[in-house]
Amino acid sequence: MKGISVAAGSAKPLTLGEIILYNMAGFAFNIYDTVLYAWIPFFYTPPDESGLTRYIPLAWLGILLAGGRLLDAINDPLIGYWSDNTKSRWGRRKPYIFISTPFLFLSFIFLWLPPVQGESMVNVWVLGAALFVYYWAYTGVLIPWFAVLPEMSDKNDERVKIASIGVAIGVLGALIGGGLSGPLFSSVGPFMMGLILAVPAFIAGELTLLGIHERHAAPHEDEWPGFFNVCRQVFADRQFLSFAAMIMFVQLTYQLMLMNVPYFTTLILKRPKADASIIMAEVIILMAVSAPVWYWLLKRYSKKRVFRFIILTMIAGFTLSYFIGVTDILPPLVEAMIVFPIAAIPIGGMFTASLGVIADLSDYDELKHGKRREAVHYGIYGIVRKTGWALCALILAGVFGAFGYSAENPEGVRVIWLVCALSCLVGLVAFIPYRLGDSKEETRKIMNL
């Protein structure tokens, strides 16, 4: 097909070792994400009654996290465009991953080093600079890595297998980050916590290079439309817009959940902050254990049906979370351990299914335009996903400011769960127009291409 060069031997099945190595980047990302979103808000703006030092005002934290994510989102399709069009002896993806991984590691460590002891605008500027580098490096690894998935295999069952194993490996990273961060935060302090957890993340990020198999070369320059034309084509497609809107509203609830858990642990459950890791660990373990279930469901049913089931289950779980600790039937911690998995377990299925859908969208785009533009698709997917993450910081600050997040008035911490449920409902409605099939031939037939 015009504009596409397929490497020889592209039909060779992937080994389990290759799939595991490819997914090591997911292990790294989940350590970074879990620790950052669970503890950066608590570290820089702890509750008044905690006795911990506050380094920046709550409003500035929301601005920095939201602004950083928006900047990160904007550069996603740009890096995707560069990656799709890169010609090098190492391929289109590996150079970006190799160069960005060390910067991701170093910037993550600097997040935990506010220069001024106490609330100061100097801390605001330093945190902003560290987040700027962190988000650029994050994108430099994430988008090229994501874009390899459709190239690893053109078979739906093998793509689902790659994504399912990836979720399990990612959950392991989240388990390490979520399970160890609380005890480390309390015992050795935030900086050493960040350093200890960043080392395995860095190693995993570099190991992923060994599992990458690129099967398409960059197109000739005269066959490649300009950056803005590519973005316009993608955003003009109703199928992509339906999926993108759904992902923005549904996936932001995962980040919002991570950000809320430390506050929920100390203010609603009345437990030490280190116990936040117990809740995170339980949720993450169940996400990992459920990975084979999602793999089975995605092989048996269409991604559309599985996604709708996932979202409905998340709505139920988040709604029930609001009522944890309202009655004395069970201890609040026990209630949390029972209710949280209802919302959290489907999140593992969401990540598995979403990666498969992006691969389907890349195939659909090839059918329409005759070009492989995986990284641009994952880049624009990154825009909507990270825009949702940026909204998390503003939502958290806004809800806490309006409803309270103190020991005397912790209602804002509860309201966050209702916001999550409402966001999932909006995502469910946005996903109604999505029609693509689970294979290129099925999509060709459905869309009359």
Protein backbone atom coordinates (compact mmCIF):
# COMPACT_ATOMS: atom_id res chain seq x y z
CA MET A 1 0.00 0.00 0.00
CA LYS A 2 1.22 3.48 -0.79
CA GLY A 3 3.25 5.13 1.95
CA ILE A 4 3.78 1.96 3.96
CA SER A 5 6.86 -0.22 4.06
CA VAL A 6 6.42 -3.52 5.86
CA ALA A 7 9.46 -5.29 7.21
CA ALA A 8 10.18 -8.79 6.11
CA GLY A 9 9.00 -11.55 8.39
CA SER A 10 6.27 -9.42 9.91
CA ALA A 11 4.05 -12.48 10.37
CA LYS A 12 6.44 -14.15 12.84
CA PRO A 13 4.61 -14.76 16.15
CA LEU A 14 5.91 -12.88 19.17
CA THR A 15 7.47 -14.81 22.02
CA LEU A 16 6.38 -14.30 25.62
CA GLY A 17 9.79 -12.83 26.41
CA GLU A 18 9.44 -10.23 23.65
CA ILE A 19 5.99 -9.24 24.89
CA ILE A 20 7.23 -8.91 28.48
CA LEU A 21 10.23 -6.81 27.46
CA TYR A 22 8.07 -4.54 25.32
CA ASN A 23 5.72 -3.94 28.25
CA MET A 24 8.44 -3.04 30.75
CA ALA A 25 7.82 0.62 29.92
CA GLY A 26 4.33 0.16 31.34
CA PHE A 27 5.93 -1.05 34.57
CA ALA A 28 7.96 2.17 34.71
CA PHE A 29 5.06 4.48 33.89
CA ASN A 30 2.87 2.94 36.57
CA ILE A 31 5.51 3.44 39.25
CA TYR A 32 5.96 7.07 38.26
CA ASP A 33 2.24 7.80 37.89
CA THR A 34 1.12 6.05 41.06
CA VAL A 35 3.69 7.75 43.25
CA LEU A 36 3.37 11.20 41.67
CA TYR A 37 -0.42 11.45 41.71
CA ALA A 38 -0.84 9.82 45.10
CA TRP A 39 1.81 11.80 46.98
CA ILE A 40 2.73 15.06 45.21
CA PRO A 41 -0.55 16.76 46.28
CA PHE A 42 -0.25 15.40 49.83
CA PHE A 43 3.46 16.28 50.05
CA TYR A 44 3.15 19.87 48.83
CA THR A 45 -0.30 20.69 50.34
CA PRO A 46 -0.92 18.40 53.34
CA PRO A 47 -4.05 18.81 55.50
CA ASP A 48 -3.73 21.42 58.24
CA GLU A 49 -4.05 18.84 61.02
CA SER A 50 -1.27 16.59 59.67
CA GLY A 51 1.58 18.55 61.23
CA LEU A 52 3.48 18.38 57.93
CA THR A 53 5.06 21.34 56.14
CA ARG A 54 3.06 22.99 53.38
CA TYR A 55 5.32 24.05 50.50
CA ILE A 56 2.93 25.77 48.08
CA PRO A 57 -0.68 27.05 48.17
CA LEU A 58 -3.37 24.56 47.11
CA ALA A 59 -4.47 26.77 44.21
CA TRP A 60 -0.93 26.85 42.79
CA LEU A 61 -0.69 23.08 43.01
CA GLY A 62 -3.81 22.77 40.88
CA ILE A 63 -2.46 25.28 38.36
CA LEU A 64 0.93 23.55 38.09
CA LEU A 65 -0.44 20.03 37.72
CA ALA A 66 -3.14 21.13 35.30
CA GLY A 67 -0.83 23.40 33.30
CA GLY A 68 1.88 20.76 33.14
CA ARG A 69 -0.53 18.15 31.88
CA LEU A 70 -2.00 20.52 29.28
CA LEU A 71 1.49 21.34 27.99
CA ASP A 72 2.25 17.63 28.01
CA ALA A 73 -0.95 16.94 26.08
CA ILE A 74 -0.16 19.55 23.43
CA ASN A 75 3.25 18.07 22.65
CA ASP A 76 1.90 14.49 22.36
CA PRO A 77 0.80 14.68 18.70
CA LEU A 78 3.90 16.69 17.81
CA ILE A 79 6.22 14.00 19.14
CA GLY A 80 3.97 11.43 17.50
CA TYR A 81 4.29 13.20 14.16
CA TRP A 82 8.08 13.39 14.48
CA SER A 83 8.27 9.73 15.45
CA ASP A 84 6.07 8.56 12.58
CA ASN A 85 8.26 10.49 10.15
CA THR A 86 11.67 9.64 11.65
CA LYS A 87 14.23 7.79 9.54
CA SER A 88 17.16 6.28 11.44
CA ARG A 89 19.14 3.07 11.62
CA TRP A 90 17.38 2.36 14.97
CA GLY A 91 13.88 2.82 13.55
CA ARG A 92 11.15 5.38 14.21
CA ARG A 93 10.56 4.77 17.94
CA LYS A 94 13.70 3.65 19.77
CA PRO A 95 15.71 6.93 19.59
CA TYR A 96 13.00 8.86 21.44
CA ILE A 97 12.64 6.23 24.16
CA PHE A 98 16.40 5.89 24.67
CA ILE A 99 17.00 9.65 24.99
CA SER A 100 13.92 10.51 27.07
CA THR A 101 14.19 7.79 29.73
CA PRO A 102 17.13 9.35 31.68
CA PHE A 103 15.43 12.76 31.70
CA LEU A 104 12.25 11.16 33.02
CA PHE A 105 14.22 9.55 35.85
CA LEU A 106 16.10 12.71 36.88
CA SER A 107 13.13 15.06 36.71
CA PHE A 108 11.04 12.68 38.82
CA ILE A 109 13.67 12.77 41.57
CA PHE A 110 13.77 16.58 41.55
CA LEU A 111 10.01 16.72 42.17
CA TRP A 112 10.71 15.79 45.79
CA LEU A 113 13.28 18.54 46.46
CA PRO A 114 11.52 21.84 47.25
CA PRO A 115 14.34 24.33 47.95
CA VAL A 116 12.53 26.38 50.62
CA GLN A 117 11.26 24.89 53.88
CA GLY A 118 7.76 26.31 54.08
CA GLU A 119 5.26 27.91 51.72
CA SER A 120 7.10 29.90 49.05
CA MET A 121 6.79 30.99 45.42
CA VAL A 122 10.33 29.67 44.91
CA ASN A 123 8.92 26.19 45.49
CA VAL A 124 6.20 26.93 42.95
CA TRP A 125 8.76 27.85 40.27
CA VAL A 126 11.05 24.90 41.01
CA LEU A 127 8.18 22.42 41.00
CA GLY A 128 6.91 23.93 37.76
CA ALA A 129 10.33 23.56 36.11
CA ALA A 130 10.69 19.95 37.27
CA LEU A 131 7.20 19.11 36.00
CA PHE A 132 7.98 20.77 32.65
CA VAL A 133 10.96 18.47 32.06
CA TYR A 134 9.13 15.47 33.51
CA TYR A 135 6.14 15.81 31.21
CA TRP A 136 8.25 16.34 28.08
CA ALA A 137 10.37 13.29 28.89
CA TYR A 138 7.25 11.29 29.78
CA THR A 139 5.80 12.00 26.35
CA GLY A 140 9.11 11.25 24.65
CA VAL A 141 8.90 7.70 25.97
CA LEU A 142 5.14 7.12 26.07
CA ILE A 143 4.01 8.06 22.56
CA PRO A 144 6.68 6.15 20.57
CA TRP A 145 6.22 3.17 22.91
CA PHE A 146 2.44 3.16 22.51
CA ALA A 147 2.82 3.51 18.74
CA VAL A 148 4.73 0.24 18.47
CA LEU A 149 1.74 -1.85 19.60
CA PRO A 150 -0.12 -1.89 16.25
CA GLU A 151 3.19 -2.74 14.55
CA MET A 152 3.95 -5.66 16.88
CA SER A 153 1.11 -7.67 15.34
CA ASP A 154 -1.81 -7.20 12.95
CA LYS A 155 -3.87 -9.95 14.65
CA ASN A 156 -6.56 -8.91 17.13
CA ASP A 157 -6.00 -11.82 19.53
CA GLU A 158 -2.25 -11.17 19.67
CA ARG A 159 -2.79 -7.45 20.21
CA VAL A 160 -5.19 -8.22 23.05
CA LYS A 161 -2.59 -10.60 24.50
CA ILE A 162 0.11 -7.90 24.35
CA ALA A 163 -2.21 -5.36 25.98
CA SER A 164 -3.41 -7.82 28.65
CA ILE A 165 0.11 -8.82 29.64
CA GLY A 166 0.99 -5.14 29.57
CA VAL A 167 -1.77 -4.31 32.03
CA ALA A 168 -0.60 -7.09 34.35
CA ILE A 169 2.99 -5.79 34.21
CA GLY A 170 1.79 -2.22 34.63
CA VAL A 171 -0.28 -3.25 37.62
CA LEU A 172 2.85 -4.78 39.14
CA GLY A 173 4.54 -1.40 38.77
CA ALA A 174 1.55 0.33 40.32
CA LEU A 175 1.58 -2.23 43.15
CA ILE A 176 5.23 -1.50 43.89
CA GLY A 177 4.65 2.24 43.66
CA GLY A 178 1.41 2.23 45.62
CA GLY A 179 2.41 -0.44 48.14
CA LEU A 180 5.86 0.88 49.02
CA SER A 181 5.40 4.63 48.64
CA GLY A 182 3.38 5.09 51.85
CA PRO A 183 5.78 3.23 54.18
CA LEU A 184 8.79 4.82 52.45
CA PHE A 185 7.24 8.29 52.67
CA SER A 186 6.82 7.84 56.43
CA SER A 187 10.12 6.10 57.15
CA VAL A 188 12.78 7.66 54.90
CA GLY A 189 11.05 10.80 53.63
CA PRO A 190 9.73 11.85 50.22
CA PHE A 191 13.08 12.34 48.45
CA MET A 192 14.46 8.90 49.32
CA MET A 193 11.06 7.40 48.52
CA GLY A 194 11.22 8.95 45.05
CA LEU A 195 14.81 7.83 44.47
CA ILE A 196 14.26 4.25 45.64
CA LEU A 197 11.20 3.79 43.44
CA ALA A 198 12.63 5.63 40.42
CA VAL A 199 15.62 3.28 40.05
CA PRO A 200 13.63 0.17 39.02
CA ALA A 201 11.44 2.40 36.83
CA PHE A 202 14.52 3.69 34.99
CA ILE A 203 15.90 0.17 34.45
CA ALA A 204 12.54 -1.07 33.18
CA GLY A 205 12.27 1.86 30.78
CA GLU A 206 15.58 1.01 29.15
CA LEU A 207 14.80 -2.73 29.02
CA THR A 208 11.72 -2.06 26.92
CA LEU A 209 14.00 -1.19 23.99
CA LEU A 210 14.93 -4.88 23.75
CA GLY A 211 11.33 -5.91 23.10
CA ILE A 212 10.40 -3.38 20.42
CA HIS A 213 9.78 -4.75 16.92
CA GLU A 214 9.05 -2.14 14.27
CA ARG A 215 7.49 -3.53 11.11
CA HIS A 216 6.78 -0.36 9.17
CA ALA A 217 9.25 2.19 7.86
CA ALA A 218 8.64 5.92 7.64
CA PRO A 219 6.91 7.06 4.43
CA HIS A 220 8.64 9.09 1.75
CA GLU A 221 8.58 12.80 2.52
CA ASP A 222 6.44 13.64 -0.51
CA GLU A 223 3.76 11.22 0.72
CA TRP A 224 3.50 12.71 4.22
CA PRO A 225 1.01 15.56 4.83
CA GLY A 226 1.86 18.42 7.16
CA PHE A 227 1.42 18.16 10.91
CA PHE A 228 -1.72 20.29 11.09
CA ASN A 229 -3.31 18.47 8.16
CA VAL A 230 -2.74 15.14 9.90
CA CYS A 231 -4.28 16.42 13.14
CA ARG A 232 -7.22 17.90 11.23
CA GLN A 233 -7.89 14.57 9.51
CA VAL A 234 -7.86 12.66 12.79
CA PHE A 235 -10.01 15.13 14.73
CA ALA A 236 -12.51 15.30 11.88
CA ASP A 237 -13.26 11.59 12.21
CA ARG A 238 -16.38 10.82 14.24
CA GLN A 239 -15.13 7.40 15.37
CA PHE A 240 -11.96 8.82 16.86
CA LEU A 241 -13.83 11.71 18.49
CA SER A 242 -16.29 9.32 20.13
CA PHE A 243 -13.50 7.20 21.58
CA ALA A 244 -11.40 10.22 22.58
CA ALA A 245 -14.23 11.92 24.46
CA MET A 246 -15.04 8.70 26.30
CA ILE A 247 -11.42 8.13 27.30
CA MET A 248 -10.97 11.68 28.57
CA PHE A 249 -13.91 11.47 30.96
CA VAL A 250 -13.41 7.87 32.08
CA GLN A 251 -9.64 7.68 32.50
CA LEU A 252 -9.41 10.90 34.50
CA THR A 253 -11.25 9.09 37.30
CA TYR A 254 -8.25 6.80 37.85
CA GLN A 255 -5.92 9.74 38.44
CA LEU A 256 -8.52 11.48 40.58
CA MET A 257 -8.86 8.31 42.64
CA LEU A 258 -5.09 8.13 43.24
CA MET A 259 -4.97 11.79 44.25
CA ASN A 260 -7.89 11.41 46.65
CA VAL A 261 -6.83 8.21 48.45
CA PRO A 262 -4.28 9.78 50.88
CA TYR A 263 -6.82 12.44 51.90
CA PHE A 264 -9.57 9.82 52.16
CA THR A 265 -7.34 7.60 54.31
CA THR A 266 -6.49 10.29 56.85
CA LEU A 267 -9.74 12.31 56.93
CA ILE A 268 -12.52 9.75 56.34
CA LEU A 269 -10.98 6.47 57.48
CA LYS A 270 -9.07 8.19 60.33
CA ARG A 271 -6.00 6.09 59.58
CA PRO A 272 -2.29 6.98 59.33
CA LYS A 273 -1.22 8.23 55.91
CA ALA A 274 0.91 5.11 55.39
CA ASP A 275 -2.32 3.07 55.34
CA ALA A 276 -3.14 4.65 51.98
CA SER A 277 -0.70 2.10 50.58
CA ILE A 278 -2.82 -0.74 51.98
CA ILE A 279 -5.83 0.45 50.00
CA MET A 280 -3.78 1.04 46.86
CA ALA A 281 -2.10 -2.35 47.17
CA GLU A 282 -5.41 -4.18 47.54
CA VAL A 283 -6.92 -2.39 44.56
CA ILE A 284 -3.85 -2.94 42.38
CA ILE A 285 -3.51 -6.63 43.29
CA LEU A 286 -7.12 -7.22 42.30
CA MET A 287 -6.53 -5.36 39.04
CA ALA A 288 -3.64 -7.73 38.31
CA VAL A 289 -5.57 -10.85 39.28
CA SER A 290 -8.46 -9.80 37.04
CA ALA A 291 -6.24 -9.37 33.94
CA PRO A 292 -6.97 -12.90 32.61
CA VAL A 293 -10.69 -12.20 32.97
CA TRP A 294 -10.45 -9.11 30.77
CA TYR A 295 -8.33 -11.04 28.27
CA TRP A 296 -11.04 -13.72 28.09
CA LEU A 297 -13.86 -11.17 27.78
CA LEU A 298 -12.07 -9.24 25.03
CA LYS A 299 -11.55 -12.44 23.05
CA ARG A 300 -15.19 -13.48 23.49
CA TYR A 301 -16.98 -10.14 23.13
CA SER A 302 -16.40 -6.97 21.12
CA LYS A 303 -14.36 -4.16 22.65
CA LYS A 304 -17.44 -1.93 22.43
CA ARG A 305 -19.50 -4.22 24.67
CA VAL A 306 -16.69 -4.80 27.15
CA PHE A 307 -16.01 -1.07 27.42
CA ARG A 308 -19.64 -0.30 28.22
CA PHE A 309 -19.70 -2.96 30.92
CA ILE A 310 -16.48 -1.54 32.38
CA ILE A 311 -17.87 1.99 32.57
CA LEU A 312 -21.16 0.93 34.16
CA THR A 313 -19.29 -1.02 36.84
CA MET A 314 -17.05 1.96 37.57
CA ILE A 315 -20.10 4.20 37.99
CA ALA A 316 -21.53 1.81 40.57
CA GLY A 317 -18.24 1.54 42.46
CA PHE A 318 -17.58 5.28 42.64
CA THR A 319 -21.15 5.99 43.75
CA LEU A 320 -20.90 3.45 46.58
CA SER A 321 -17.53 4.94 47.63
CA TYR A 322 -19.30 8.14 48.67
CA PHE A 323 -21.09 6.24 51.46
CA ILE A 324 -18.00 4.63 53.01
CA GLY A 325 -17.93 5.48 56.71
CA VAL A 326 -21.45 6.95 56.75
CA THR A 327 -22.83 4.09 58.87
CA ASP A 328 -21.36 2.02 61.71
CA ILE A 329 -22.21 -1.36 60.18
CA LEU A 330 -18.56 -2.07 59.38
CA PRO A 331 -15.30 -0.29 60.20
CA PRO A 332 -14.63 2.33 57.50
CA LEU A 333 -11.38 0.66 56.41
CA VAL A 334 -13.19 -2.65 55.88
CA GLU A 335 -15.89 -0.88 53.87
CA ALA A 336 -13.22 0.75 51.71
CA MET A 337 -11.52 -2.60 51.09
CA ILE A 338 -14.88 -4.01 49.93
CA VAL A 339 -16.15 -1.09 47.85
CA PHE A 340 -13.05 0.34 46.14
CA PRO A 341 -12.37 -2.79 44.04
CA ILE A 342 -15.81 -2.42 42.40
CA ALA A 343 -14.54 0.76 40.77
CA ALA A 344 -10.88 -0.15 40.49
CA ILE A 345 -10.90 -3.67 39.00
CA PRO A 346 -12.58 -2.49 35.76
CA ILE A 347 -9.82 0.10 35.36
CA GLY A 348 -7.46 -2.72 34.39
CA GLY A 349 -9.89 -3.79 31.70
CA MET A 350 -10.21 -0.19 30.53
CA PHE A 351 -6.47 0.12 29.93
CA THR A 352 -6.37 -3.23 28.11
CA ALA A 353 -9.30 -2.41 25.85
CA SER A 354 -8.23 1.18 25.13
CA LEU A 355 -4.85 0.14 23.70
CA GLY A 356 -6.62 -2.35 21.45
CA VAL A 357 -9.09 0.27 20.26
CA ILE A 358 -6.27 2.65 19.32
CA ALA A 359 -4.75 -0.14 17.23
CA ASP A 360 -8.14 -0.60 15.54
CA LEU A 361 -8.34 3.14 14.88
CA SER A 362 -4.86 3.05 13.29
CA ASP A 363 -6.01 0.25 10.98
CA TYR A 364 -9.15 2.24 10.16
CA ASP A 365 -7.05 5.30 9.33
CA GLU A 366 -4.88 3.18 7.04
CA LEU A 367 -7.98 1.93 5.23
CA LYS A 368 -9.15 5.52 4.72
CA HIS A 369 -5.89 7.30 3.92
CA GLY A 370 -3.37 4.59 2.99
CA LYS A 371 -0.79 5.57 5.63
CA ARG A 372 0.38 4.17 8.98
CA ARG A 373 0.20 6.98 11.57
CA GLU A 374 0.22 5.08 14.85
CA ALA A 375 2.21 7.63 16.85
CA VAL A 376 -0.01 10.52 15.76
CA HIS A 377 -3.06 8.55 16.89
CA TYR A 378 -1.50 7.74 20.23
CA GLY A 379 -0.33 11.34 20.48
CA ILE A 380 -3.81 12.72 19.99
CA TYR A 381 -5.09 10.03 22.35
CA GLY A 382 -2.55 11.49 24.77
CA ILE A 383 -4.02 14.97 24.29
CA VAL A 384 -7.49 13.97 25.42
CA ARG A 385 -6.26 11.62 28.14
CA LYS A 386 -3.88 14.16 29.64
CA THR A 387 -6.40 16.95 29.29
CA GLY A 388 -8.56 14.82 31.55
CA TRP A 389 -5.65 14.36 33.93
CA ALA A 390 -5.09 18.11 33.93
CA LEU A 391 -8.72 18.59 34.89
CA CYS A 392 -8.12 16.28 37.86
CA ALA A 393 -5.91 18.83 39.59
CA LEU A 394 -8.46 21.59 39.03
CA ILE A 395 -11.33 19.34 40.11
CA LEU A 396 -9.52 18.31 43.29
CA ALA A 397 -8.65 21.89 44.21
CA GLY A 398 -12.12 23.16 43.29
CA VAL A 399 -14.06 20.48 45.15
CA PHE A 400 -11.83 20.69 48.22
CA GLY A 401 -12.15 24.47 48.22
CA ALA A 402 -15.94 24.37 47.86
CA PHE A 403 -16.79 21.47 50.19
CA GLY A 404 -13.80 21.29 52.54
CA TYR A 405 -11.00 18.81 53.21
CA SER A 406 -10.34 19.19 56.92
CA ALA A 407 -10.93 16.85 59.85
CA GLU A 408 -13.94 18.97 60.87
CA ASN A 409 -15.36 19.13 57.34
CA PRO A 410 -14.10 16.38 54.99
CA GLU A 411 -17.14 16.46 52.68
CA GLY A 412 -15.02 17.46 49.68
CA VAL A 413 -13.13 14.18 49.93
CA ARG A 414 -16.44 12.29 49.63
CA VAL A 415 -17.77 14.46 46.80
CA ILE A 416 -14.77 13.50 44.65
CA TRP A 417 -16.27 10.00 44.30
CA LEU A 418 -19.55 11.41 42.97
CA VAL A 419 -17.59 13.53 40.49
CA CYS A 420 -15.86 10.35 39.31
CA ALA A 421 -19.21 8.59 38.82
CA LEU A 422 -20.63 11.54 36.87
CA SER A 423 -17.53 11.72 34.68
CA CYS A 424 -17.89 8.03 33.80
CA LEU A 425 -21.54 8.58 32.89
CA VAL A 426 -20.57 11.39 30.49
CA GLY A 427 -17.95 9.09 28.95
CA LEU A 428 -20.52 6.34 28.46
CA VAL A 429 -22.81 8.69 26.54
CA ALA A 430 -19.89 9.96 24.41
CA PHE A 431 -19.05 6.38 23.37
CA ILE A 432 -22.47 5.67 21.83
CA PRO A 433 -21.50 6.60 18.21
CA TYR A 434 -18.42 4.30 18.14
CA ARG A 435 -18.86 1.53 15.52
CA LEU A 436 -15.47 0.07 14.51
CA GLY A 437 -14.86 -3.67 14.47
CA ASP A 438 -12.15 -5.67 16.21
CA SER A 439 -10.26 -6.46 13.00
CA LYS A 440 -9.37 -4.60 9.83
CA GLU A 441 -11.72 -6.72 7.73
CA GLU A 442 -14.60 -6.27 10.16
CA THR A 443 -14.04 -2.51 10.17
CA ARG A 444 -13.86 -2.45 6.36
CA LYS A 445 -17.26 -4.13 6.19
CA ILE A 446 -18.93 -2.01 8.90
CA MET A 447 -17.64 1.29 7.52
CA ASN A 448 -18.10 0.33 3.83
CA LEU A 449 -14.45 0.98 2.95
